[in-house]
Amino acid sequence: MTYIIAEPCVDVLDKACIEECPVDCIYEGNRMLYIHPDECVDCGACEPVCPVEAIFYEDDVPDQWKNYTSANYGFFEELGSPGGASKVGKIDKDDPFVAGQPPRGEGH
């Protein structure tokens, strides 16, 4: 089990969660952030600092955002486990489900 970032993060990318993560397991894609399921230690530090309330424990993801669970896992299929987001920086991709979402937020 891990934490999942859902729809409210799409096109927001606030990154407060990255600053709170003690194990550097939150990776940045083009349109949202993703939590690495194998690197996350389930500490929950990221959840309360998310300004858009986009982070949920995997079992608690609201039904309307369940597709973000598979998108979160899918983002890491090719990437594997690099051992920390700061080692790789921003990744120029998103899971196909996220990439196909309509633009959100200001500036879109």
PDB file of N, CA and C in Angstrom:
ATOM      1  N   MET A   1       0.834  -1.192   0.000  1.00  0.00           N
ATOM      2  CA  MET A   1       0.000   0.000   0.000  1.00  0.00           C
ATOM      3  C   MET A   1       0.874   1.249   0.000  1.00  0.00           C
ATOM      4  N   THR A   2       0.320   2.292  -0.559  1.00  0.00           N
ATOM      5  CA  THR A   2       1.051   3.551  -0.659  1.00  0.00           C
ATOM      6  C   THR A   2       0.054   4.702  -0.667  1.00  0.00           C
ATOM      7  N   TYR A   3       0.574   5.890  -0.723  1.00  0.00           N
ATOM      8  CA  TYR A   3      -0.275   7.063  -0.913  1.00  0.00           C
ATOM      9  C   TYR A   3      -0.389   7.332  -2.400  1.00  0.00           C
ATOM     10  N   ILE A   4      -1.517   7.905  -2.797  1.00  0.00           N
ATOM     11  CA  ILE A   4      -1.831   8.174  -4.202  1.00  0.00           C
ATOM     12  C   ILE A   4      -2.147   9.659  -4.347  1.00  0.00           C
ATOM     13  N   ILE A   5      -1.657  10.248  -5.414  1.00  0.00           N
ATOM     14  CA  ILE A   5      -2.014  11.626  -5.738  1.00  0.00           C
ATOM     15  C   ILE A   5      -3.079  11.561  -6.822  1.00  0.00           C
ATOM     16  N   ALA A   6      -4.181  12.299  -6.619  1.00  0.00           N
ATOM     17  CA  ALA A   6      -5.338  12.210  -7.508  1.00  0.00           C
ATOM     18  C   ALA A   6      -5.575  13.515  -8.289  1.00  0.00           C
ATOM     19  N   GLU A   7      -6.720  13.570  -8.928  1.00  0.00           N
ATOM     20  CA  GLU A   7      -7.079  14.633  -9.870  1.00  0.00           C
ATOM     21  C   GLU A   7      -6.836  16.072  -9.414  1.00  0.00           C
ATOM     22  N   PRO A   8      -7.073  16.427  -8.152  1.00  0.00           N
ATOM     23  CA  PRO A   8      -6.855  17.833  -7.784  1.00  0.00           C
ATOM     24  C   PRO A   8      -5.437  18.347  -8.038  1.00  0.00           C
ATOM     25  N   CYS A   9      -4.468  17.457  -8.199  1.00  0.00           N
ATOM     26  CA  CYS A   9      -3.079  17.867  -8.457  1.00  0.00           C
ATOM     27  C   CYS A   9      -2.827  18.174  -9.929  1.00  0.00           C
ATOM     28  N   VAL A  10      -3.651  17.665 -10.825  1.00  0.00           N
ATOM     29  CA  VAL A  10      -3.403  17.832 -12.254  1.00  0.00           C
ATOM     30  C   VAL A  10      -3.319  19.321 -12.587  1.00  0.00           C
ATOM     31  N   ASP A  11      -2.221  19.712 -13.203  1.00  0.00           N
ATOM     32  CA  ASP A  11      -1.909  21.075 -13.617  1.00  0.00           C
ATOM     33  C   ASP A  11      -1.734  22.047 -12.448  1.00  0.00           C
ATOM     34  N   VAL A  12      -1.571  21.526 -11.222  1.00  0.00           N
ATOM     35  CA  VAL A  12      -1.323  22.388 -10.065  1.00  0.00           C
ATOM     36  C   VAL A  12       0.156  22.319  -9.667  1.00  0.00           C
ATOM     37  N   LEU A  13       0.657  21.112  -9.398  1.00  0.00           N
ATOM     38  CA  LEU A  13       2.062  20.880  -9.080  1.00  0.00           C
ATOM     39  C   LEU A  13       2.589  21.819  -7.990  1.00  0.00           C
ATOM     40  N   ASP A  14       1.899  21.911  -6.880  1.00  0.00           N
ATOM     41  CA  ASP A  14       2.285  22.809  -5.786  1.00  0.00           C
ATOM     42  C   ASP A  14       3.641  22.471  -5.170  1.00  0.00           C
ATOM     43  N   LYS A  15       3.943  21.218  -5.006  1.00  0.00           N
ATOM     44  CA  LYS A  15       5.215  20.689  -4.501  1.00  0.00           C
ATOM     45  C   LYS A  15       5.449  20.831  -3.000  1.00  0.00           C
ATOM     46  N   ALA A  16       4.475  21.298  -2.230  1.00  0.00           N
ATOM     47  CA  ALA A  16       4.639  21.329  -0.774  1.00  0.00           C
ATOM     48  C   ALA A  16       4.870  19.919  -0.247  1.00  0.00           C
ATOM     49  N   CYS A  17       4.245  18.941  -0.893  1.00  0.00           N
ATOM     50  CA  CYS A  17       4.399  17.546  -0.464  1.00  0.00           C
ATOM     51  C   CYS A  17       5.830  17.069  -0.657  1.00  0.00           C
ATOM     52  N   ILE A  18       6.481  17.521  -1.713  1.00  0.00           N
ATOM     53  CA  ILE A  18       7.867  17.122  -1.977  1.00  0.00           C
ATOM     54  C   ILE A  18       8.763  17.586  -0.834  1.00  0.00           C
ATOM     55  N   GLU A  19       8.541  18.806  -0.379  1.00  0.00           N
ATOM     56  CA  GLU A  19       9.357  19.360   0.702  1.00  0.00           C
ATOM     57  C   GLU A  19       9.180  18.592   2.005  1.00  0.00           C
ATOM     58  N   GLU A  20       8.007  18.011   2.222  1.00  0.00           N
ATOM     59  CA  GLU A  20       7.728  17.280   3.465  1.00  0.00           C
ATOM     60  C   GLU A  20       8.143  15.815   3.424  1.00  0.00           C
ATOM     61  N   CYS A  21       8.315  15.264   2.251  1.00  0.00           N
ATOM     62  CA  CYS A  21       8.594  13.832   2.119  1.00  0.00           C
ATOM     63  C   CYS A  21       9.998  13.492   2.627  1.00  0.00           C
ATOM     64  N   PRO A  22      10.084  12.669   3.680  1.00  0.00           N
ATOM     65  CA  PRO A  22      11.399  12.344   4.233  1.00  0.00           C
ATOM     66  C   PRO A  22      12.204  11.335   3.415  1.00  0.00           C
ATOM     67  N   VAL A  23      11.563  10.666   2.464  1.00  0.00           N
ATOM     68  CA  VAL A  23      12.276   9.654   1.690  1.00  0.00           C
ATOM     69  C   VAL A  23      12.406  10.005   0.209  1.00  0.00           C
ATOM     70  N   ASP A  24      12.011  11.217  -0.184  1.00  0.00           N
ATOM     71  CA  ASP A  24      12.206  11.692  -1.560  1.00  0.00           C
ATOM     72  C   ASP A  24      11.533  10.778  -2.592  1.00  0.00           C
ATOM     73  N   CYS A  25      10.264  10.391  -2.313  1.00  0.00           N
ATOM     74  CA  CYS A  25       9.585   9.443  -3.209  1.00  0.00           C
ATOM     75  C   CYS A  25       8.494  10.089  -4.060  1.00  0.00           C
ATOM     76  N   ILE A  26       8.412  11.414  -4.081  1.00  0.00           N
ATOM     77  CA  ILE A  26       7.388  12.095  -4.882  1.00  0.00           C
ATOM     78  C   ILE A  26       8.056  12.681  -6.114  1.00  0.00           C
ATOM     79  N   TYR A  27       7.649  12.161  -7.262  1.00  0.00           N
ATOM     80  CA  TYR A  27       8.265  12.508  -8.540  1.00  0.00           C
ATOM     81  C   TYR A  27       7.375  13.456  -9.322  1.00  0.00           C
ATOM     82  N   GLU A  28       8.007  14.328 -10.094  1.00  0.00           N
ATOM     83  CA  GLU A  28       7.271  15.310 -10.890  1.00  0.00           C
ATOM     84  C   GLU A  28       7.190  14.880 -12.344  1.00  0.00           C
ATOM     85  N   GLY A  29       5.949  14.785 -12.836  1.00  0.00           N
ATOM     86  CA  GLY A  29       5.719  14.565 -14.255  1.00  0.00           C
ATOM     87  C   GLY A  29       5.397  15.900 -14.905  1.00  0.00           C
ATOM     88  N   ASN A  30       4.911  15.875 -16.128  1.00  0.00           N
ATOM     89  CA  ASN A  30       4.578  17.120 -16.813  1.00  0.00           C
ATOM     90  C   ASN A  30       3.381  17.831 -16.201  1.00  0.00           C
ATOM     91  N   ARG A  31       2.359  17.069 -15.806  1.00  0.00           N
ATOM     92  CA  ARG A  31       1.099  17.687 -15.372  1.00  0.00           C
ATOM     93  C   ARG A  31       0.727  17.433 -13.927  1.00  0.00           C
ATOM     94  N   MET A  32       1.403  16.496 -13.262  1.00  0.00           N
ATOM     95  CA  MET A  32       1.104  16.241 -11.856  1.00  0.00           C
ATOM     96  C   MET A  32       2.279  15.551 -11.187  1.00  0.00           C
ATOM     97  N   LEU A  33       2.145  15.343  -9.894  1.00  0.00           N
ATOM     98  CA  LEU A  33       3.150  14.646  -9.100  1.00  0.00           C
ATOM     99  C   LEU A  33       2.690  13.211  -8.860  1.00  0.00           C
ATOM    100  N   TYR A  34       3.645  12.314  -8.655  1.00  0.00           N
ATOM    101  CA  TYR A  34       3.367  10.895  -8.469  1.00  0.00           C
ATOM    102  C   TYR A  34       4.184  10.370  -7.291  1.00  0.00           C
ATOM    103  N   ILE A  35       3.584   9.520  -6.475  1.00  0.00           N
ATOM    104  CA  ILE A  35       4.279   8.919  -5.339  1.00  0.00           C
ATOM    105  C   ILE A  35       4.726   7.511  -5.725  1.00  0.00           C
ATOM    106  N   HIS A  36       6.022   7.256  -5.579  1.00  0.00           N
ATOM    107  CA  HIS A  36       6.560   5.949  -5.955  1.00  0.00           C
ATOM    108  C   HIS A  36       6.070   4.893  -4.959  1.00  0.00           C
ATOM    109  N   PRO A  37       5.345   3.884  -5.447  1.00  0.00           N
ATOM    110  CA  PRO A  37       4.748   2.902  -4.539  1.00  0.00           C
ATOM    111  C   PRO A  37       5.753   2.031  -3.796  1.00  0.00           C
ATOM    112  N   ASP A  38       6.942   1.838  -4.339  1.00  0.00           N
ATOM    113  CA  ASP A  38       7.943   1.012  -3.673  1.00  0.00           C
ATOM    114  C   ASP A  38       8.852   1.823  -2.752  1.00  0.00           C
ATOM    115  N   GLU A  39       8.956   3.105  -2.985  1.00  0.00           N
ATOM    116  CA  GLU A  39       9.830   3.959  -2.176  1.00  0.00           C
ATOM    117  C   GLU A  39       9.085   4.625  -1.017  1.00  0.00           C
ATOM    118  N   CYS A  40       7.773   4.764  -1.125  1.00  0.00           N
ATOM    119  CA  CYS A  40       6.960   5.394  -0.089  1.00  0.00           C
ATOM    120  C   CYS A  40       6.979   4.526   1.163  1.00  0.00           C
ATOM    121  N   VAL A  41       7.173   5.156   2.323  1.00  0.00           N
ATOM    122  CA  VAL A  41       7.196   4.420   3.587  1.00  0.00           C
ATOM    123  C   VAL A  41       5.897   4.622   4.374  1.00  0.00           C
ATOM    124  N   ASP A  42       4.887   5.145   3.720  1.00  0.00           N
ATOM    125  CA  ASP A  42       3.559   5.332   4.318  1.00  0.00           C
ATOM    126  C   ASP A  42       3.579   6.191   5.581  1.00  0.00           C
ATOM    127  N   CYS A  43       4.434   7.196   5.610  1.00  0.00           N
ATOM    128  CA  CYS A  43       4.523   8.037   6.811  1.00  0.00           C
ATOM    129  C   CYS A  43       3.379   9.045   6.881  1.00  0.00           C
ATOM    130  N   GLY A  44       2.829   9.422   5.723  1.00  0.00           N
ATOM    131  CA  GLY A  44       1.704  10.347   5.691  1.00  0.00           C
ATOM    132  C   GLY A  44       2.077  11.811   5.808  1.00  0.00           C
ATOM    133  N   ALA A  45       3.351  12.142   5.815  1.00  0.00           N
ATOM    134  CA  ALA A  45       3.770  13.543   5.955  1.00  0.00           C
ATOM    135  C   ALA A  45       3.276  14.419   4.808  1.00  0.00           C
ATOM    136  N   CYS A  46       3.103  13.846   3.646  1.00  0.00           N
ATOM    137  CA  CYS A  46       2.698  14.606   2.467  1.00  0.00           C
ATOM    138  C   CYS A  46       1.219  15.016   2.496  1.00  0.00           C
ATOM    139  N   GLU A  47       0.394  14.172   3.055  1.00  0.00           N
ATOM    140  CA  GLU A  47      -1.059  14.368   2.979  1.00  0.00           C
ATOM    141  C   GLU A  47      -1.552  15.687   3.564  1.00  0.00           C
ATOM    142  N   PRO A  48      -1.205  16.053   4.789  1.00  0.00           N
ATOM    143  CA  PRO A  48      -1.769  17.280   5.362  1.00  0.00           C
ATOM    144  C   PRO A  48      -1.249  18.579   4.748  1.00  0.00           C
ATOM    145  N   VAL A  49      -0.116  18.538   4.046  1.00  0.00           N
ATOM    146  CA  VAL A  49       0.425  19.784   3.483  1.00  0.00           C
ATOM    147  C   VAL A  49      -0.056  20.065   2.068  1.00  0.00           C
ATOM    148  N   CYS A  50      -0.760  19.127   1.462  1.00  0.00           N
ATOM    149  CA  CYS A  50      -1.262  19.323   0.094  1.00  0.00           C
ATOM    150  C   CYS A  50      -2.368  20.385   0.107  1.00  0.00           C
ATOM    151  N   PRO A  51      -2.151  21.522  -0.572  1.00  0.00           N
ATOM    152  CA  PRO A  51      -3.131  22.612  -0.521  1.00  0.00           C
ATOM    153  C   PRO A  51      -4.428  22.312  -1.270  1.00  0.00           C
ATOM    154  N   VAL A  52      -4.409  21.314  -2.146  1.00  0.00           N
ATOM    155  CA  VAL A  52      -5.620  20.991  -2.910  1.00  0.00           C
ATOM    156  C   VAL A  52      -6.227  19.656  -2.483  1.00  0.00           C
ATOM    157  N   GLU A  53      -5.711  19.081  -1.400  1.00  0.00           N
ATOM    158  CA  GLU A  53      -6.210  17.822  -0.847  1.00  0.00           C
ATOM    159  C   GLU A  53      -6.284  16.718  -1.903  1.00  0.00           C
ATOM    160  N   ALA A  54      -5.161  16.513  -2.583  1.00  0.00           N
ATOM    161  CA  ALA A  54      -5.092  15.530  -3.671  1.00  0.00           C
ATOM    162  C   ALA A  54      -4.469  14.207  -3.245  1.00  0.00           C
ATOM    163  N   ILE A  55      -3.961  14.105  -2.021  1.00  0.00           N
ATOM    164  CA  ILE A  55      -3.230  12.917  -1.588  1.00  0.00           C
ATOM    165  C   ILE A  55      -4.096  12.071  -0.657  1.00  0.00           C
ATOM    166  N   PHE A  56      -4.166  10.779  -1.001  1.00  0.00           N
ATOM    167  CA  PHE A  56      -4.995   9.845  -0.244  1.00  0.00           C
ATOM    168  C   PHE A  56      -4.225   8.551  -0.012  1.00  0.00           C
ATOM    169  N   TYR A  57      -4.496   7.903   1.130  1.00  0.00           N
ATOM    170  CA  TYR A  57      -3.983   6.552   1.307  1.00  0.00           C
ATOM    171  C   TYR A  57      -4.677   5.691   0.253  1.00  0.00           C
ATOM    172  N   GLU A  58      -3.973   4.748  -0.309  1.00  0.00           N
ATOM    173  CA  GLU A  58      -4.485   3.970  -1.448  1.00  0.00           C
ATOM    174  C   GLU A  58      -5.896   3.425  -1.237  1.00  0.00           C
ATOM    175  N   ASP A  59      -6.196   2.915  -0.067  1.00  0.00           N
ATOM    176  CA  ASP A  59      -7.527   2.367   0.200  1.00  0.00           C
ATOM    177  C   ASP A  59      -8.602   3.447   0.347  1.00  0.00           C
ATOM    178  N   ASP A  60      -8.195   4.697   0.489  1.00  0.00           N
ATOM    179  CA  ASP A  60      -9.129   5.788   0.735  1.00  0.00           C
ATOM    180  C   ASP A  60      -9.338   6.722  -0.457  1.00  0.00           C
ATOM    181  N   VAL A  61      -8.791   6.370  -1.618  1.00  0.00           N
ATOM    182  CA  VAL A  61      -8.990   7.209  -2.802  1.00  0.00           C
ATOM    183  C   VAL A  61     -10.482   7.229  -3.133  1.00  0.00           C
ATOM    184  N   PRO A  62     -11.076   8.422  -3.267  1.00  0.00           N
ATOM    185  CA  PRO A  62     -12.506   8.498  -3.601  1.00  0.00           C
ATOM    186  C   PRO A  62     -12.809   7.769  -4.915  1.00  0.00           C
ATOM    187  N   ASP A  63     -13.989   7.188  -4.994  1.00  0.00           N
ATOM    188  CA  ASP A  63     -14.373   6.401  -6.163  1.00  0.00           C
ATOM    189  C   ASP A  63     -14.189   7.150  -7.479  1.00  0.00           C
ATOM    190  N   GLN A  64     -14.518   8.440  -7.498  1.00  0.00           N
ATOM    191  CA  GLN A  64     -14.421   9.185  -8.758  1.00  0.00           C
ATOM    192  C   GLN A  64     -12.975   9.365  -9.227  1.00  0.00           C
ATOM    193  N   TRP A  65     -12.012   9.083  -8.360  1.00  0.00           N
ATOM    194  CA  TRP A  65     -10.598   9.233  -8.712  1.00  0.00           C
ATOM    195  C   TRP A  65      -9.833   7.921  -8.668  1.00  0.00           C
ATOM    196  N   LYS A  66     -10.512   6.784  -8.668  1.00  0.00           N
ATOM    197  CA  LYS A  66      -9.842   5.484  -8.592  1.00  0.00           C
ATOM    198  C   LYS A  66      -8.852   5.262  -9.733  1.00  0.00           C
ATOM    199  N   ASN A  67      -9.103   5.849 -10.910  1.00  0.00           N
ATOM    200  CA  ASN A  67      -8.179   5.677 -12.033  1.00  0.00           C
ATOM    201  C   ASN A  67      -6.802   6.253 -11.757  1.00  0.00           C
ATOM    202  N   TYR A  68      -6.711   7.162 -10.806  1.00  0.00           N
ATOM    203  CA  TYR A  68      -5.412   7.735 -10.468  1.00  0.00           C
ATOM    204  C   TYR A  68      -4.529   6.745  -9.723  1.00  0.00           C
ATOM    205  N   THR A  69      -5.131   5.724  -9.119  1.00  0.00           N
ATOM    206  CA  THR A  69      -4.331   4.690  -8.470  1.00  0.00           C
ATOM    207  C   THR A  69      -3.515   3.948  -9.523  1.00  0.00           C
ATOM    208  N   SER A  70      -4.154   3.500 -10.584  1.00  0.00           N
ATOM    209  CA  SER A  70      -3.410   2.800 -11.636  1.00  0.00           C
ATOM    210  C   SER A  70      -2.481   3.752 -12.383  1.00  0.00           C
ATOM    211  N   ALA A  71      -2.865   5.019 -12.519  1.00  0.00           N
ATOM    212  CA  ALA A  71      -1.990   5.999 -13.172  1.00  0.00           C
ATOM    213  C   ALA A  71      -0.724   6.205 -12.346  1.00  0.00           C
ATOM    214  N   ASN A  72      -0.877   6.234 -11.021  1.00  0.00           N
ATOM    215  CA  ASN A  72       0.275   6.410 -10.143  1.00  0.00           C
ATOM    216  C   ASN A  72       1.251   5.246 -10.297  1.00  0.00           C
ATOM    217  N   TYR A  73       0.736   4.023 -10.316  1.00  0.00           N
ATOM    218  CA  TYR A  73       1.595   2.850 -10.507  1.00  0.00           C
ATOM    219  C   TYR A  73       2.178   2.834 -11.928  1.00  0.00           C
ATOM    220  N   GLY A  74       1.348   3.165 -12.915  1.00  0.00           N
ATOM    221  CA  GLY A  74       1.771   3.132 -14.309  1.00  0.00           C
ATOM    222  C   GLY A  74       2.905   4.095 -14.628  1.00  0.00           C
ATOM    223  N   PHE A  75       2.927   5.220 -13.942  1.00  0.00           N
ATOM    224  CA  PHE A  75       3.974   6.223 -14.181  1.00  0.00           C
ATOM    225  C   PHE A  75       5.367   5.635 -13.974  1.00  0.00           C
ATOM    226  N   PHE A  76       5.477   4.662 -13.085  1.00  0.00           N
ATOM    227  CA  PHE A  76       6.783   4.103 -12.726  1.00  0.00           C
ATOM    228  C   PHE A  76       7.134   2.809 -13.454  1.00  0.00           C
ATOM    229  N   GLU A  77       6.266   2.333 -14.358  1.00  0.00           N
ATOM    230  CA  GLU A  77       6.534   1.066 -15.039  1.00  0.00           C
ATOM    231  C   GLU A  77       7.858   1.086 -15.793  1.00  0.00           C
ATOM    232  N   GLU A  78       8.113   2.108 -16.583  1.00  0.00           N
ATOM    233  CA  GLU A  78       9.367   2.199 -17.337  1.00  0.00           C
ATOM    234  C   GLU A  78      10.499   2.748 -16.481  1.00  0.00           C
ATOM    235  N   LEU A  79      10.176   3.647 -15.592  1.00  0.00           N
ATOM    236  CA  LEU A  79      11.186   4.325 -14.773  1.00  0.00           C
ATOM    237  C   LEU A  79      11.827   3.391 -13.755  1.00  0.00           C
ATOM    238  N   GLY A  80      11.056   2.462 -13.229  1.00  0.00           N
ATOM    239  CA  GLY A  80      11.576   1.584 -12.184  1.00  0.00           C
ATOM    240  C   GLY A  80      11.681   2.329 -10.869  1.00  0.00           C
ATOM    241  N   SER A  81      12.693   2.004 -10.097  1.00  0.00           N
ATOM    242  CA  SER A  81      12.894   2.629  -8.797  1.00  0.00           C
ATOM    243  C   SER A  81      14.287   3.257  -8.744  1.00  0.00           C
ATOM    244  N   PRO A  82      14.374   4.538  -9.141  1.00  0.00           N
ATOM    245  CA  PRO A  82      15.688   5.187  -9.164  1.00  0.00           C
ATOM    246  C   PRO A  82      16.248   5.519  -7.783  1.00  0.00           C
ATOM    247  N   GLY A  83      15.450   5.369  -6.731  1.00  0.00           N
ATOM    248  CA  GLY A  83      15.950   5.597  -5.385  1.00  0.00           C
ATOM    249  C   GLY A  83      15.919   7.039  -4.929  1.00  0.00           C
ATOM    250  N   GLY A  84      15.015   7.813  -5.488  1.00  0.00           N
ATOM    251  CA  GLY A  84      14.858   9.196  -5.043  1.00  0.00           C
ATOM    252  C   GLY A  84      14.569  10.132  -6.188  1.00  0.00           C
ATOM    253  N   ALA A  85      13.561  10.957  -5.990  1.00  0.00           N
ATOM    254  CA  ALA A  85      13.133  11.878  -7.036  1.00  0.00           C
ATOM    255  C   ALA A  85      14.182  12.939  -7.349  1.00  0.00           C
ATOM    256  N   SER A  86      14.918  13.364  -6.337  1.00  0.00           N
ATOM    257  CA  SER A  86      15.909  14.418  -6.576  1.00  0.00           C
ATOM    258  C   SER A  86      17.039  13.947  -7.503  1.00  0.00           C
ATOM    259  N   LYS A  87      17.234  12.644  -7.599  1.00  0.00           N
ATOM    260  CA  LYS A  87      18.261  12.100  -8.496  1.00  0.00           C
ATOM    261  C   LYS A  87      17.890  12.255  -9.961  1.00  0.00           C
ATOM    262  N   VAL A  88      16.572  12.254 -10.256  1.00  0.00           N
ATOM    263  CA  VAL A  88      16.150  12.281 -11.661  1.00  0.00           C
ATOM    264  C   VAL A  88      15.528  13.604 -12.088  1.00  0.00           C
ATOM    265  N   GLY A  89      15.092  14.414 -11.146  1.00  0.00           N
ATOM    266  CA  GLY A  89      14.463  15.691 -11.496  1.00  0.00           C
ATOM    267  C   GLY A  89      13.115  15.480 -12.173  1.00  0.00           C
ATOM    268  N   LYS A  90      12.646  16.517 -12.830  1.00  0.00           N
ATOM    269  CA  LYS A  90      11.356  16.435 -13.519  1.00  0.00           C
ATOM    270  C   LYS A  90      11.440  15.407 -14.640  1.00  0.00           C
ATOM    271  N   ILE A  91      10.395  14.606 -14.756  1.00  0.00           N
ATOM    272  CA  ILE A  91      10.331  13.575 -15.789  1.00  0.00           C
ATOM    273  C   ILE A  91       9.371  14.059 -16.868  1.00  0.00           C
ATOM    274  N   ASP A  92       9.844  14.098 -18.095  1.00  0.00           N
ATOM    275  CA  ASP A  92       9.081  14.673 -19.202  1.00  0.00           C
ATOM    276  C   ASP A  92       8.043  13.693 -19.741  1.00  0.00           C
ATOM    277  N   LYS A  93       7.085  13.331 -18.873  1.00  0.00           N
ATOM    278  CA  LYS A  93       5.998  12.450 -19.282  1.00  0.00           C
ATOM    279  C   LYS A  93       4.937  12.453 -18.196  1.00  0.00           C
ATOM    280  N   ASP A  94       3.831  11.831 -18.480  1.00  0.00           N
ATOM    281  CA  ASP A  94       2.778  11.549 -17.523  1.00  0.00           C
ATOM    282  C   ASP A  94       2.213  10.191 -17.881  1.00  0.00           C
ATOM    283  N   ASP A  95       1.509   9.577 -16.939  1.00  0.00           N
ATOM    284  CA  ASP A  95       0.780   8.371 -17.273  1.00  0.00           C
ATOM    285  C   ASP A  95      -0.228   8.753 -18.364  1.00  0.00           C
ATOM    286  N   PRO A  96      -0.509   7.880 -19.337  1.00  0.00           N
ATOM    287  CA  PRO A  96      -1.446   8.210 -20.414  1.00  0.00           C
ATOM    288  C   PRO A  96      -2.818   8.683 -19.914  1.00  0.00           C
ATOM    289  N   PHE A  97      -3.291   8.132 -18.806  1.00  0.00           N
ATOM    290  CA  PHE A  97      -4.580   8.568 -18.264  1.00  0.00           C
ATOM    291  C   PHE A  97      -4.518  10.039 -17.870  1.00  0.00           C
ATOM    292  N   VAL A  98      -3.455  10.444 -17.217  1.00  0.00           N
ATOM    293  CA  VAL A  98      -3.295  11.842 -16.801  1.00  0.00           C
ATOM    294  C   VAL A  98      -3.072  12.738 -18.012  1.00  0.00           C
ATOM    295  N   ALA A  99      -2.241  12.295 -18.935  1.00  0.00           N
ATOM    296  CA  ALA A  99      -1.957  13.095 -20.139  1.00  0.00           C
ATOM    297  C   ALA A  99      -3.230  13.370 -20.931  1.00  0.00           C
ATOM    298  N   GLY A 100      -4.186  12.477 -20.878  1.00  0.00           N
ATOM    299  CA  GLY A 100      -5.434  12.630 -21.627  1.00  0.00           C
ATOM    300  C   GLY A 100      -6.495  13.464 -20.929  1.00  0.00           C
ATOM    301  N   GLN A 101      -6.224  13.928 -19.711  1.00  0.00           N
ATOM    302  CA  GLN A 101      -7.198  14.743 -18.981  1.00  0.00           C
ATOM    303  C   GLN A 101      -7.279  16.143 -19.574  1.00  0.00           C
ATOM    304  N   PRO A 102      -8.468  16.765 -19.520  1.00  0.00           N
ATOM    305  CA  PRO A 102      -8.580  18.141 -20.020  1.00  0.00           C
ATOM    306  C   PRO A 102      -7.739  19.079 -19.154  1.00  0.00           C
ATOM    307  N   PRO A 103      -7.245  20.167 -19.732  1.00  0.00           N
ATOM    308  CA  PRO A 103      -6.458  21.132 -18.946  1.00  0.00           C
ATOM    309  C   PRO A 103      -7.276  21.682 -17.781  1.00  0.00           C
ATOM    310  N   ARG A 104      -6.584  21.949 -16.686  1.00  0.00           N
ATOM    311  CA  ARG A 104      -7.226  22.466 -15.481  1.00  0.00           C
ATOM    312  C   ARG A 104      -6.478  23.690 -14.983  1.00  0.00           C
ATOM    313  N   GLY A 105      -7.173  24.490 -14.206  1.00  0.00           N
ATOM    314  CA  GLY A 105      -6.545  25.608 -13.534  1.00  0.00           C
ATOM    315  C   GLY A 105      -6.360  26.832 -14.415  1.00  0.00           C
ATOM    316  N   GLU A 106      -5.795  27.858 -13.793  1.00  0.00           N
ATOM    317  CA  GLU A 106      -5.525  29.102 -14.503  1.00  0.00           C
ATOM    318  C   GLU A 106      -4.440  28.892 -15.549  1.00  0.00           C
ATOM    319  N   GLY A 107      -4.500  29.663 -16.602  1.00  0.00           N
ATOM    320  CA  GLY A 107      -3.480  29.573 -17.635  1.00  0.00           C
ATOM    321  C   GLY A 107      -3.767  28.503 -18.669  1.00  0.00           C
ATOM    322  N   HIS A 108      -4.898  27.813 -18.530  1.00  0.00           N
ATOM    323  CA  HIS A 108      -5.256  26.785 -19.518  1.00  0.00           C
ATOM    324  C   HIS A 108      -6.552  27.141 -20.178  1.00  0.00           C
TER     325      HIS A 108
END
